[in-house]
């Protein structure tokens, strides 16, 4: 079935190349993520706050619950 489909295509190598490129990229990302040598670095980066996040203190919590005093 696939041979008949690809026999009419002039650029039959491109879908196979795209598949192999995807698989190589996917496997590279998975292997780099699961390497034990990078686990400490990834754990440290996972604990970083997002941009704009800040640590809330007790005054922020009270203000959020009862509103700003006037």
C-alpha atoms as a PDB file:
ATOM      1  CA  UNK A   1       0.000   0.000   0.000  1.00  0.00           C
ATOM      2  CA  UNK A   2       2.722   2.480   0.934  1.00  0.00           C
ATOM      3  CA  UNK A   3       4.873   1.444  -2.008  1.00  0.00           C
ATOM      4  CA  UNK A   4       2.020   2.236  -4.379  1.00  0.00           C
ATOM      5  CA  UNK A   5       1.455   5.607  -2.690  1.00  0.00           C
ATOM      6  CA  UNK A   6       5.126   6.593  -2.811  1.00  0.00           C
ATOM      7  CA  UNK A   7       5.692   5.290  -6.365  1.00  0.00           C
ATOM      8  CA  UNK A   8       3.750   8.202  -7.832  1.00  0.00           C
ATOM      9  CA  UNK A   9       5.639  10.831  -5.842  1.00  0.00           C
ATOM     10  CA  UNK A  10       8.709  12.546  -7.199  1.00  0.00           C
ATOM     11  CA  UNK A  11       9.805  13.725  -3.746  1.00  0.00           C
ATOM     12  CA  UNK A  12       9.219  10.465  -1.883  1.00  0.00           C
ATOM     13  CA  UNK A  13      12.285  10.921   0.296  1.00  0.00           C
ATOM     14  CA  UNK A  14      10.949  14.038   2.031  1.00  0.00           C
ATOM     15  CA  UNK A  15       8.247  12.393   4.217  1.00  0.00           C
ATOM     16  CA  UNK A  16      10.714   9.753   5.351  1.00  0.00           C
ATOM     17  CA  UNK A  17      13.351  12.399   6.048  1.00  0.00           C
ATOM     18  CA  UNK A  18      10.820  14.425   8.051  1.00  0.00           C
ATOM     19  CA  UNK A  19       9.867  11.370  10.092  1.00  0.00           C
ATOM     20  CA  UNK A  20      13.491  10.527  10.835  1.00  0.00           C
ATOM     21  CA  UNK A  21      14.250  14.136  11.739  1.00  0.00           C
ATOM     22  CA  UNK A  22      11.289  14.199  14.133  1.00  0.00           C
ATOM     23  CA  UNK A  23      12.305  10.920  15.766  1.00  0.00           C
ATOM     24  CA  UNK A  24      15.911  12.047  16.175  1.00  0.00           C
ATOM     25  CA  UNK A  25      14.830  15.347  17.728  1.00  0.00           C
ATOM     26  CA  UNK A  26      12.304  13.684  20.029  1.00  0.00           C
ATOM     27  CA  UNK A  27      14.777  11.081  21.241  1.00  0.00           C
ATOM     28  CA  UNK A  28      17.453  13.718  21.795  1.00  0.00           C
ATOM     29  CA  UNK A  29      15.105  15.788  23.966  1.00  0.00           C
ATOM     30  CA  UNK A  30      14.000  12.737  25.969  1.00  0.00           C
ATOM     31  CA  UNK A  31      17.552  11.506  26.556  1.00  0.00           C
ATOM     32  CA  UNK A  32      18.830  14.963  27.555  1.00  0.00           C
ATOM     33  CA  UNK A  33      15.928  15.414  29.957  1.00  0.00           C
ATOM     34  CA  UNK A  34      16.407  12.055  31.645  1.00  0.00           C
ATOM     35  CA  UNK A  35      20.189  12.222  32.033  1.00  0.00           C
ATOM     36  CA  UNK A  36      21.100  11.959  35.728  1.00  0.00           C
ATOM     37  CA  UNK A  37      23.826  14.580  35.351  1.00  0.00           C
ATOM     38  CA  UNK A  38      21.222  17.216  34.410  1.00  0.00           C
ATOM     39  CA  UNK A  39      18.614  16.255  37.008  1.00  0.00           C
ATOM     40  CA  UNK A  40      20.022  18.599  39.680  1.00  0.00           C
ATOM     41  CA  UNK A  41      20.107  21.513  37.232  1.00  0.00           C
ATOM     42  CA  UNK A  42      16.534  20.868  36.090  1.00  0.00           C
ATOM     43  CA  UNK A  43      15.290  20.577  39.690  1.00  0.00           C
ATOM     44  CA  UNK A  44      16.952  23.890  40.525  1.00  0.00           C
ATOM     45  CA  UNK A  45      15.396  25.582  37.508  1.00  0.00           C
ATOM     46  CA  UNK A  46      11.973  24.126  38.330  1.00  0.00           C
ATOM     47  CA  UNK A  47      12.030  25.908  41.690  1.00  0.00           C
ATOM     48  CA  UNK A  48      12.664  29.336  40.157  1.00  0.00           C
ATOM     49  CA  UNK A  49       9.685  31.707  40.309  1.00  0.00           C
ATOM     50  CA  UNK A  50       7.977  32.854  37.152  1.00  0.00           C
ATOM     51  CA  UNK A  51       8.610  36.391  35.960  1.00  0.00           C
ATOM     52  CA  UNK A  52       6.450  38.789  37.941  1.00  0.00           C
ATOM     53  CA  UNK A  53       5.867  36.346  40.797  1.00  0.00           C
ATOM     54  CA  UNK A  54       6.856  37.508  44.200  1.00  0.00           C
ATOM     55  CA  UNK A  55       6.718  36.090  47.672  1.00  0.00           C
ATOM     56  CA  UNK A  56       3.594  37.114  49.510  1.00  0.00           C
ATOM     57  CA  UNK A  57       3.932  38.164  53.104  1.00  0.00           C
ATOM     58  CA  UNK A  58       1.291  38.265  55.835  1.00  0.00           C
ATOM     59  CA  UNK A  59       0.207  41.838  54.981  1.00  0.00           C
ATOM     60  CA  UNK A  60      -0.528  40.828  51.377  1.00  0.00           C
ATOM     61  CA  UNK A  61      -2.661  37.909  52.537  1.00  0.00           C
ATOM     62  CA  UNK A  62      -4.651  40.036  54.999  1.00  0.00           C
ATOM     63  CA  UNK A  63      -5.155  42.778  52.413  1.00  0.00           C
ATOM     64  CA  UNK A  64      -6.375  40.251  49.851  1.00  0.00           C
ATOM     65  CA  UNK A  65      -8.907  38.819  52.310  1.00  0.00           C
ATOM     66  CA  UNK A  66     -10.409  41.988  53.791  1.00  0.00           C
ATOM     67  CA  UNK A  67      -9.552  44.604  51.203  1.00  0.00           C
ATOM     68  CA  UNK A  68      -7.408  47.679  51.493  1.00  0.00           C
ATOM     69  CA  UNK A  69      -7.971  49.784  54.588  1.00  0.00           C
ATOM     70  CA  UNK A  70      -9.226  53.233  53.732  1.00  0.00           C
END
